[in-house]
Amino acid sequence: MILTFDAIDTAGQSSTDSIEAADSREAVDQLRRRGLYVTRIEETADQKRAGVARSTSSGTVRLPLKTLVLFTRQMAMLLRAGSGLVPAIMAIKRQMKKPGHAALLGDLVSTLEDGTQLTDALRKHGRTFDPVYCAIVAAGEASASLTEMFERIASIVRKRRVVRNKIIGSLAYPALLICMCSSILMTLLFFVLPRFSAMFKQLGVETPMMTRVLLATGDALTSYWPVLLGLAVAMILTIVWLAKSIRGRQLMSDVQILIPVLGRIRLRLIQAQIFRTMGTLLESSVGVLDTLELARGSTQNRRFQDLFDSLDEAVTSGRQLSSVFEHTNLVEAYVCQAIHTGEDSGNLGGALTYCADMLDETNAELIDTGMRLLEPVILIGMGLVVGTVAISLFLPLFEMTSAMR
């Protein structure tokens, strides 16, 4: 822990500083050896907040993916430099700006100082360190290659973050266009249409069918907007509930791969995550059955869960994994061939990692192409909607002007 103190040196000068020690007694001993007489010593404010967070909710804190990448890469770097586990985590902990994140790492340090293995300490924080993360760390502790394992985990987490940021970045501009189109449409329906409707009634203009439909739509939206708002809120709450419940996530995962184009991208994303997990675990000397059990948690999709059941059966009966992949329509032929080659050469883990890299590259190209095509489609759609509304509103005026001549 970090403590602040007031002390007097041999010359009688007072000073205020901070020191890192296991407790206040050890800190006082260290300061006495420096020739300082301690008049006050206590935990820092951040340390107190971290202690409160650690005692109450450190097990519920979750490190964001960006912070997890930073933690894992710095652990690999510090261990490669010869640092011990506790000093390495303490060094990273001092960089954490949020008390909850610092409390989580402080709890890891406390658990390690009690003699617990790192794997068991990580498992206490399952929201941050998933079973795959812990399994790779356990393999590193068992084989005395913890540094290499942290480097592998850092690569996995970093690529996961790259894929996520790629998807978010690709969707940002289309989402902005959709919001702009929706705003324009809502402005027309709620503010422009009612004024045109009142004007047409005052002038007694006979409106075409398309205009009448549009005006009726505007009147319905203006009259029943609380009901529509309630339905929108209910839909959002339903989606949130589905995302948080196990069966809801499973249902959403099943539906996602059925959507044209987007389903194909989602299918490859799931495959890439599964293959990267399996490849890393196998390269970390984790058993095949344990690897399949850990990789099973990468997705809730029922079709992939059935695939894992078939893979378990193949392993227990002595058959190759590639024979199962070849008889499913979830995995493409070139991926099956790469896995078969890896099994024949005795490098299945490397082959699966290679397949994951190929799928990630294919996904990146497919996402870029899809977003390039989606942007003009949205712009054309927005133009058609606004143009239709404009024509519907001004057509009766044109007809009235022509009749007056």
Protein backbone atom coordinates (compact mmCIF):
# COMPACT_ATOMS: atom_id res chain seq x y z
CA MET A 1 0.00 0.00 0.00
CA ILE A 2 0.95 3.65 -0.45
CA LEU A 3 1.10 5.83 2.69
CA THR A 4 1.69 9.53 3.20
CA PHE A 5 3.76 10.72 6.15
CA ASP A 6 5.12 13.75 7.95
CA ALA A 7 8.65 13.31 9.34
CA ILE A 8 11.55 15.23 10.87
CA ASP A 9 15.14 14.54 9.85
CA THR A 10 18.28 14.71 11.99
CA ALA A 11 18.72 18.39 11.14
CA GLY A 12 15.26 19.17 12.53
CA GLN A 13 13.68 19.93 9.15
CA SER A 14 10.17 18.62 8.54
CA SER A 15 9.04 17.01 5.29
CA THR A 16 5.93 15.41 3.78
CA ASP A 17 6.14 12.56 1.29
CA SER A 18 4.72 9.15 0.43
CA ILE A 19 6.13 5.64 0.71
CA GLU A 20 5.10 2.19 -0.49
CA ALA A 21 5.08 -0.58 2.11
CA ALA A 22 3.05 -3.56 3.24
CA ASP A 23 1.76 -1.72 6.34
CA SER A 24 2.46 1.35 8.46
CA ARG A 25 4.92 -0.50 10.76
CA GLU A 26 7.11 -1.52 7.85
CA ALA A 27 6.94 2.02 6.49
CA VAL A 28 8.06 3.48 9.83
CA ASP A 29 11.00 1.02 9.97
CA GLN A 30 12.08 2.04 6.47
CA LEU A 31 11.90 5.73 7.35
CA ARG A 32 13.88 5.25 10.57
CA ARG A 33 16.65 3.59 8.58
CA ARG A 34 16.74 6.76 6.47
CA GLY A 35 17.20 8.86 9.61
CA LEU A 36 13.63 10.21 9.69
CA TYR A 37 11.40 10.49 12.75
CA VAL A 38 7.75 9.95 11.77
CA THR A 39 5.18 12.29 13.30
CA ARG A 40 2.19 11.22 11.17
CA ILE A 41 1.52 8.36 8.75
CA GLU A 42 -1.71 7.24 7.03
CA GLU A 43 -3.03 5.77 3.80
CA THR A 44 -3.49 8.08 0.83
CA ALA A 45 -7.01 9.10 -0.16
CA ASP A 46 -6.79 7.00 -3.33
CA GLN A 47 -5.56 4.06 -1.29
CA LYS A 48 -8.50 4.37 1.10
CA ARG A 49 -10.98 4.52 -1.77
CA ALA A 50 -9.30 1.54 -3.39
CA GLY A 51 -9.47 -0.34 -0.11
CA VAL A 52 -13.18 0.38 0.22
CA ALA A 53 -13.80 -0.66 -3.37
CA ARG A 54 -11.73 -3.80 -2.91
CA SER A 55 -13.60 -4.81 0.23
CA THR A 56 -17.03 -4.18 -1.29
CA SER A 57 -17.06 -4.63 -5.05
CA SER A 58 -13.65 -5.55 -6.46
CA GLY A 59 -15.10 -8.84 -7.62
CA THR A 60 -17.79 -7.04 -9.62
CA VAL A 61 -15.48 -4.51 -11.32
CA ARG A 62 -14.72 -5.18 -14.96
CA LEU A 63 -11.71 -3.80 -16.77
CA PRO A 64 -12.59 -2.32 -20.19
CA LEU A 65 -11.04 -4.06 -23.17
CA LYS A 66 -8.58 -1.20 -23.72
CA THR A 67 -7.41 -1.39 -20.09
CA LEU A 68 -7.19 -5.18 -20.27
CA VAL A 69 -4.96 -4.92 -23.34
CA LEU A 70 -2.72 -2.43 -21.50
CA PHE A 71 -2.54 -4.63 -18.40
CA THR A 72 -1.71 -7.79 -20.36
CA ARG A 73 0.94 -6.19 -22.57
CA GLN A 74 2.62 -4.47 -19.63
CA MET A 75 2.61 -7.74 -17.67
CA ALA A 76 4.38 -9.44 -20.59
CA MET A 77 6.89 -6.59 -20.81
CA LEU A 78 7.62 -6.46 -17.08
CA LEU A 79 7.94 -10.24 -16.74
CA ARG A 80 10.24 -10.28 -19.78
CA ALA A 81 12.38 -7.67 -17.99
CA GLY A 82 12.71 -9.97 -14.98
CA SER A 83 10.14 -8.43 -12.64
CA GLY A 84 8.23 -10.55 -10.15
CA LEU A 85 4.45 -10.93 -10.31
CA VAL A 86 3.60 -8.73 -7.33
CA PRO A 87 5.97 -5.84 -8.26
CA ALA A 88 4.72 -6.00 -11.86
CA ILE A 89 1.06 -5.75 -10.86
CA MET A 90 1.87 -3.02 -8.33
CA ALA A 91 3.66 -1.02 -11.03
CA ILE A 92 0.62 -1.29 -13.33
CA LYS A 93 -1.75 -0.52 -10.46
CA ARG A 94 -0.06 2.85 -9.88
CA GLN A 95 -0.97 3.84 -13.45
CA MET A 96 -4.69 3.18 -12.99
CA LYS A 97 -6.71 6.39 -12.76
CA LYS A 98 -10.04 4.84 -11.73
CA PRO A 99 -10.27 3.60 -8.12
CA GLY A 100 -12.25 0.52 -9.14
CA HIS A 101 -9.56 -0.62 -11.57
CA ALA A 102 -6.83 0.01 -9.00
CA ALA A 103 -8.89 -1.91 -6.41
CA LEU A 104 -9.09 -4.93 -8.72
CA LEU A 105 -5.32 -5.03 -9.17
CA GLY A 106 -4.84 -4.39 -5.46
CA ASP A 107 -7.00 -7.42 -4.73
CA LEU A 108 -4.81 -9.47 -7.08
CA VAL A 109 -1.74 -8.35 -5.15
CA SER A 110 -3.32 -9.19 -1.79
CA THR A 111 -4.37 -12.62 -3.02
CA LEU A 112 -0.89 -13.35 -4.39
CA GLU A 113 0.74 -12.22 -1.14
CA ASP A 114 -1.45 -14.75 0.68
CA GLY A 115 0.27 -17.49 -1.30
CA THR A 116 -2.42 -18.05 -3.95
CA GLN A 117 -1.42 -18.87 -7.51
CA LEU A 118 -1.99 -16.23 -10.16
CA THR A 119 -4.57 -18.36 -11.98
CA ASP A 120 -6.74 -18.66 -8.88
CA ALA A 121 -6.38 -14.94 -8.20
CA LEU A 122 -7.54 -14.13 -11.75
CA ARG A 123 -10.50 -16.48 -11.50
CA LYS A 124 -11.89 -14.38 -8.65
CA HIS A 125 -12.51 -11.67 -11.25
CA GLY A 126 -14.29 -13.68 -13.93
CA ARG A 127 -15.92 -10.61 -15.50
CA THR A 128 -12.48 -9.37 -16.57
CA PHE A 129 -10.45 -12.57 -16.94
CA ASP A 130 -12.51 -15.16 -18.84
CA PRO A 131 -11.85 -18.94 -18.62
CA VAL A 132 -9.64 -18.86 -21.73
CA TYR A 133 -7.46 -16.11 -20.22
CA CYS A 134 -7.13 -18.09 -16.99
CA ALA A 135 -6.44 -21.37 -18.80
CA ILE A 136 -3.52 -19.87 -20.73
CA VAL A 137 -2.11 -18.35 -17.53
CA ALA A 138 -2.48 -21.73 -15.81
CA ALA A 139 -0.57 -23.39 -18.66
CA GLY A 140 2.16 -20.77 -18.28
CA GLU A 141 2.44 -21.38 -14.53
CA ALA A 142 2.57 -25.15 -15.05
CA SER A 143 5.27 -24.93 -17.72
CA ALA A 144 7.25 -22.04 -16.15
CA SER A 145 6.63 -19.96 -19.31
CA LEU A 146 4.36 -17.27 -17.90
CA THR A 147 6.05 -14.52 -19.90
CA GLU A 148 5.36 -16.23 -23.24
CA MET A 149 1.77 -16.94 -22.22
CA PHE A 150 1.12 -13.29 -21.37
CA GLU A 151 2.53 -12.34 -24.76
CA ARG A 152 0.10 -14.76 -26.42
CA ILE A 153 -2.82 -13.45 -24.39
CA ALA A 154 -1.83 -9.89 -25.26
CA SER A 155 -1.97 -10.81 -28.94
CA ILE A 156 -5.45 -12.35 -28.54
CA VAL A 157 -6.89 -9.42 -26.60
CA ARG A 158 -5.29 -6.86 -28.91
CA LYS A 159 -6.73 -8.51 -32.04
CA ARG A 160 -10.14 -8.73 -30.37
CA ARG A 161 -9.98 -4.99 -29.71
CA VAL A 162 -8.81 -4.26 -33.26
CA VAL A 163 -11.77 -6.19 -34.71
CA ARG A 164 -14.23 -4.43 -32.39
CA ASN A 165 -12.84 -0.98 -33.23
CA LYS A 166 -12.91 -1.86 -36.92
CA ILE A 167 -16.60 -2.72 -36.74
CA ILE A 168 -17.48 0.35 -34.67
CA GLY A 169 -15.49 2.63 -36.97
CA SER A 170 -17.12 1.16 -40.08
CA LEU A 171 -20.62 1.61 -38.64
CA ALA A 172 -20.07 5.17 -37.40
CA TYR A 173 -20.68 6.99 -40.71
CA PRO A 174 -23.71 4.90 -41.78
CA ALA A 175 -25.19 5.37 -38.31
CA LEU A 176 -24.69 9.14 -38.63
CA LEU A 177 -26.43 9.13 -42.02
CA ILE A 178 -29.35 7.12 -40.64
CA CYS A 179 -29.72 9.53 -37.70
CA MET A 180 -29.65 12.51 -40.05
CA CYS A 181 -32.22 10.92 -42.35
CA SER A 182 -34.47 10.08 -39.41
CA SER A 183 -34.19 13.65 -38.07
CA ILE A 184 -35.16 15.14 -41.42
CA LEU A 185 -38.08 12.74 -41.78
CA MET A 186 -39.34 13.44 -38.24
CA THR A 187 -39.09 17.20 -38.89
CA LEU A 188 -41.16 16.85 -42.04
CA LEU A 189 -43.78 14.63 -40.43
CA PHE A 190 -44.21 16.52 -37.15
CA PHE A 191 -43.69 20.17 -38.18
CA VAL A 192 -44.00 20.64 -41.95
CA LEU A 193 -46.91 18.31 -42.75
CA PRO A 194 -49.37 19.73 -40.17
CA ARG A 195 -48.93 23.25 -41.63
CA PHE A 196 -49.48 22.06 -45.18
CA SER A 197 -52.51 20.05 -44.04
CA ALA A 198 -54.10 23.15 -42.46
CA MET A 199 -53.35 25.20 -45.57
CA PHE A 200 -54.93 22.62 -47.90
CA LYS A 201 -58.08 22.56 -45.76
CA GLN A 202 -58.39 26.35 -45.80
CA LEU A 203 -57.93 26.53 -49.55
CA GLY A 204 -60.21 23.56 -50.19
CA VAL A 205 -57.64 21.96 -52.48
CA GLU A 206 -58.36 18.43 -53.67
CA THR A 207 -55.25 16.42 -52.85
CA PRO A 208 -53.96 13.36 -54.74
CA MET A 209 -53.94 9.93 -53.08
CA MET A 210 -50.22 10.04 -52.32
CA THR A 211 -50.60 13.38 -50.56
CA ARG A 212 -53.63 12.18 -48.59
CA VAL A 213 -51.71 9.11 -47.39
CA LEU A 214 -48.78 11.27 -46.34
CA LEU A 215 -51.01 13.76 -44.52
CA ALA A 216 -52.86 10.93 -42.75
CA THR A 217 -49.53 9.50 -41.65
CA GLY A 218 -48.47 12.86 -40.27
CA ASP A 219 -51.78 13.27 -38.40
CA ALA A 220 -51.48 9.79 -36.91
CA LEU A 221 -47.93 10.42 -35.73
CA THR A 222 -48.89 13.78 -34.24
CA SER A 223 -51.92 12.31 -32.43
CA TYR A 224 -50.43 9.05 -31.20
CA TRP A 225 -46.79 9.97 -30.59
CA PRO A 226 -46.93 8.94 -26.89
CA VAL A 227 -47.98 5.44 -27.93
CA LEU A 228 -45.23 5.25 -30.53
CA LEU A 229 -42.68 6.53 -28.01
CA GLY A 230 -43.81 3.88 -25.52
CA LEU A 231 -43.42 1.17 -28.17
CA ALA A 232 -39.92 2.41 -28.98
CA VAL A 233 -38.92 2.40 -25.30
CA ALA A 234 -40.41 -1.09 -24.88
CA MET A 235 -38.43 -2.31 -27.89
CA ILE A 236 -35.19 -0.87 -26.49
CA LEU A 237 -35.83 -2.44 -23.08
CA THR A 238 -36.57 -5.79 -24.75
CA ILE A 239 -33.28 -5.66 -26.64
CA VAL A 240 -31.39 -4.78 -23.43
CA TRP A 241 -33.09 -7.67 -21.61
CA LEU A 242 -32.21 -10.07 -24.42
CA ALA A 243 -28.59 -8.88 -24.36
CA LYS A 244 -28.30 -9.50 -20.59
CA SER A 245 -30.11 -12.84 -20.28
CA ILE A 246 -28.46 -16.10 -21.29
CA ARG A 247 -31.35 -17.34 -23.40
CA GLY A 248 -31.73 -13.88 -24.94
CA ARG A 249 -28.08 -13.79 -26.01
CA GLN A 250 -28.47 -17.28 -27.42
CA LEU A 251 -31.54 -16.23 -29.41
CA MET A 252 -29.82 -13.09 -30.72
CA SER A 253 -26.76 -15.13 -31.68
CA ASP A 254 -28.95 -17.62 -33.57
CA VAL A 255 -30.79 -14.86 -35.43
CA GLN A 256 -27.69 -12.84 -36.31
CA ILE A 257 -26.21 -15.45 -38.65
CA LEU A 258 -29.51 -15.68 -40.57
CA ILE A 259 -29.42 -12.03 -41.69
CA PRO A 260 -28.23 -11.66 -45.31
CA VAL A 261 -24.66 -10.30 -45.65
CA LEU A 262 -24.47 -9.35 -41.97
CA GLY A 263 -25.01 -12.99 -41.05
CA ARG A 264 -22.05 -13.99 -43.19
CA ILE A 265 -19.82 -11.47 -41.42
CA ARG A 266 -21.07 -12.57 -38.00
CA LEU A 267 -20.49 -16.23 -38.91
CA ARG A 268 -16.87 -15.55 -39.80
CA LEU A 269 -16.34 -13.44 -36.69
CA ILE A 270 -17.52 -16.34 -34.52
CA GLN A 271 -15.27 -18.77 -36.41
CA ALA A 272 -12.25 -16.48 -36.05
CA GLN A 273 -12.80 -16.14 -32.30
CA ILE A 274 -13.22 -19.90 -31.85
CA PHE A 275 -10.20 -20.83 -33.95
CA ARG A 276 -7.95 -18.24 -32.30
CA THR A 277 -8.98 -19.46 -28.86
CA MET A 278 -8.43 -23.11 -29.77
CA GLY A 279 -5.12 -22.40 -31.50
CA THR A 280 -3.71 -20.45 -28.57
CA LEU A 281 -4.82 -23.06 -26.03
CA LEU A 282 -3.37 -25.94 -28.04
CA GLU A 283 -0.09 -24.06 -28.50
CA SER A 284 -0.10 -23.52 -24.73
CA SER A 285 -0.14 -27.32 -24.21
CA VAL A 286 -3.77 -27.44 -23.06
CA GLY A 287 -5.48 -30.78 -23.80
CA VAL A 288 -7.78 -31.09 -26.79
CA LEU A 289 -10.91 -31.88 -24.76
CA ASP A 290 -10.19 -29.03 -22.33
CA THR A 291 -9.58 -26.75 -25.31
CA LEU A 292 -12.95 -27.62 -26.82
CA GLU A 293 -14.71 -27.04 -23.51
CA LEU A 294 -13.10 -23.63 -23.06
CA ALA A 295 -13.65 -22.59 -26.68
CA ARG A 296 -17.32 -23.59 -26.40
CA GLY A 297 -17.89 -20.52 -24.24
CA SER A 298 -16.82 -18.22 -27.10
CA THR A 299 -20.33 -18.25 -28.57
CA GLN A 300 -23.93 -18.89 -27.52
CA ASN A 301 -25.02 -19.88 -31.04
CA ARG A 302 -26.80 -23.24 -30.95
CA ARG A 303 -25.42 -24.38 -34.31
CA PHE A 304 -21.87 -23.95 -33.04
CA GLN A 305 -22.80 -25.62 -29.76
CA ASP A 306 -23.96 -28.64 -31.76
CA LEU A 307 -20.68 -28.47 -33.68
CA PHE A 308 -18.73 -28.64 -30.41
CA ASP A 309 -20.75 -31.70 -29.39
CA SER A 310 -19.68 -33.38 -32.63
CA LEU A 311 -16.05 -32.34 -32.07
CA ASP A 312 -16.10 -33.83 -28.55
CA GLU A 313 -17.47 -37.07 -29.94
CA ALA A 314 -14.82 -37.13 -32.68
CA VAL A 315 -11.96 -36.67 -30.20
CA THR A 316 -13.22 -39.38 -27.83
CA SER A 317 -13.62 -41.80 -30.76
CA GLY A 318 -10.16 -41.05 -32.14
CA ARG A 319 -11.23 -39.20 -35.28
CA GLN A 320 -9.72 -35.97 -36.61
CA LEU A 321 -11.34 -32.60 -35.99
CA SER A 322 -11.15 -31.76 -39.69
CA SER A 323 -13.52 -34.65 -40.49
CA VAL A 324 -16.22 -32.91 -38.43
CA PHE A 325 -15.57 -29.48 -39.95
CA GLU A 326 -15.81 -30.95 -43.46
CA HIS A 327 -19.33 -32.24 -42.81
CA THR A 328 -20.75 -28.95 -41.60
CA ASN A 329 -21.83 -25.94 -43.62
CA LEU A 330 -20.55 -23.53 -40.99
CA VAL A 331 -16.88 -23.75 -42.00
CA GLU A 332 -15.69 -22.99 -45.52
CA ALA A 333 -13.73 -25.55 -47.55
CA TYR A 334 -10.38 -23.73 -47.55
CA VAL A 335 -10.50 -23.45 -43.73
CA CYS A 336 -11.22 -27.19 -43.43
CA GLN A 337 -8.26 -27.94 -45.68
CA ALA A 338 -5.93 -25.78 -43.60
CA ILE A 339 -7.07 -27.53 -40.40
CA HIS A 340 -6.58 -30.95 -42.05
CA THR A 341 -3.05 -29.97 -43.08
CA GLY A 342 -2.28 -28.83 -39.53
CA GLU A 343 -3.45 -32.15 -38.09
CA ASP A 344 -1.35 -34.14 -40.56
CA SER A 345 1.75 -32.06 -39.79
CA GLY A 346 1.23 -32.15 -36.02
CA ASN A 347 0.75 -28.38 -35.83
CA LEU A 348 -3.00 -28.10 -35.26
CA GLY A 349 -2.66 -25.09 -32.95
CA GLY A 350 -0.67 -23.12 -35.51
CA ALA A 351 -3.11 -24.08 -38.27
CA LEU A 352 -6.10 -22.87 -36.25
CA THR A 353 -4.37 -19.57 -35.48
CA TYR A 354 -3.54 -19.20 -39.18
CA CYS A 355 -7.22 -19.80 -40.05
CA ALA A 356 -8.26 -17.16 -37.51
CA ASP A 357 -5.90 -14.64 -39.11
CA MET A 358 -7.28 -15.43 -42.58
CA LEU A 359 -10.86 -15.04 -41.38
CA ASP A 360 -10.05 -11.72 -39.70
CA GLU A 361 -8.53 -10.41 -42.93
CA THR A 362 -11.53 -11.60 -44.94
CA ASN A 363 -13.90 -10.03 -42.43
CA ALA A 364 -12.06 -6.70 -42.61
CA GLU A 365 -12.31 -6.66 -46.42
CA LEU A 366 -15.97 -7.70 -46.35
CA ILE A 367 -16.84 -5.02 -43.77
CA ASP A 368 -15.04 -2.32 -45.79
CA THR A 369 -16.84 -3.37 -48.98
CA GLY A 370 -20.19 -3.58 -47.25
CA MET A 371 -19.85 -0.13 -45.70
CA ARG A 372 -18.82 1.41 -49.04
CA LEU A 373 -21.97 -0.03 -50.60
CA LEU A 374 -24.20 0.87 -47.66
CA GLU A 375 -23.32 4.56 -47.59
CA PRO A 376 -24.64 5.39 -51.10
CA VAL A 377 -27.69 3.19 -50.48
CA ILE A 378 -28.53 5.23 -47.38
CA LEU A 379 -27.99 8.51 -49.24
CA ILE A 380 -30.17 7.35 -52.15
CA GLY A 381 -32.85 6.15 -49.74
CA MET A 382 -32.78 9.46 -47.88
CA GLY A 383 -33.08 11.35 -51.15
CA LEU A 384 -36.03 9.22 -52.27
CA VAL A 385 -37.86 9.73 -48.97
CA VAL A 386 -37.33 13.49 -48.88
CA GLY A 387 -38.13 13.79 -52.59
CA THR A 388 -41.35 11.80 -52.21
CA VAL A 389 -42.47 13.99 -49.30
CA ALA A 390 -41.63 17.18 -51.20
CA ILE A 391 -43.47 16.07 -54.33
CA SER A 392 -46.50 14.98 -52.31
CA LEU A 393 -46.69 18.39 -50.62
CA PHE A 394 -46.13 20.62 -53.62
CA LEU A 395 -48.07 18.64 -56.24
CA PRO A 396 -51.49 19.95 -55.07
CA LEU A 397 -50.13 23.51 -55.19
CA PHE A 398 -48.93 23.02 -58.74
CA GLU A 399 -52.33 21.64 -59.75
CA MET A 400 -54.11 24.55 -58.06
CA THR A 401 -51.85 27.05 -59.86
CA SER A 402 -52.54 25.37 -63.21
CA ALA A 403 -56.31 25.40 -62.57
CA MET A 404 -56.22 29.16 -61.79
CA ARG A 405 -54.80 29.85 -65.22
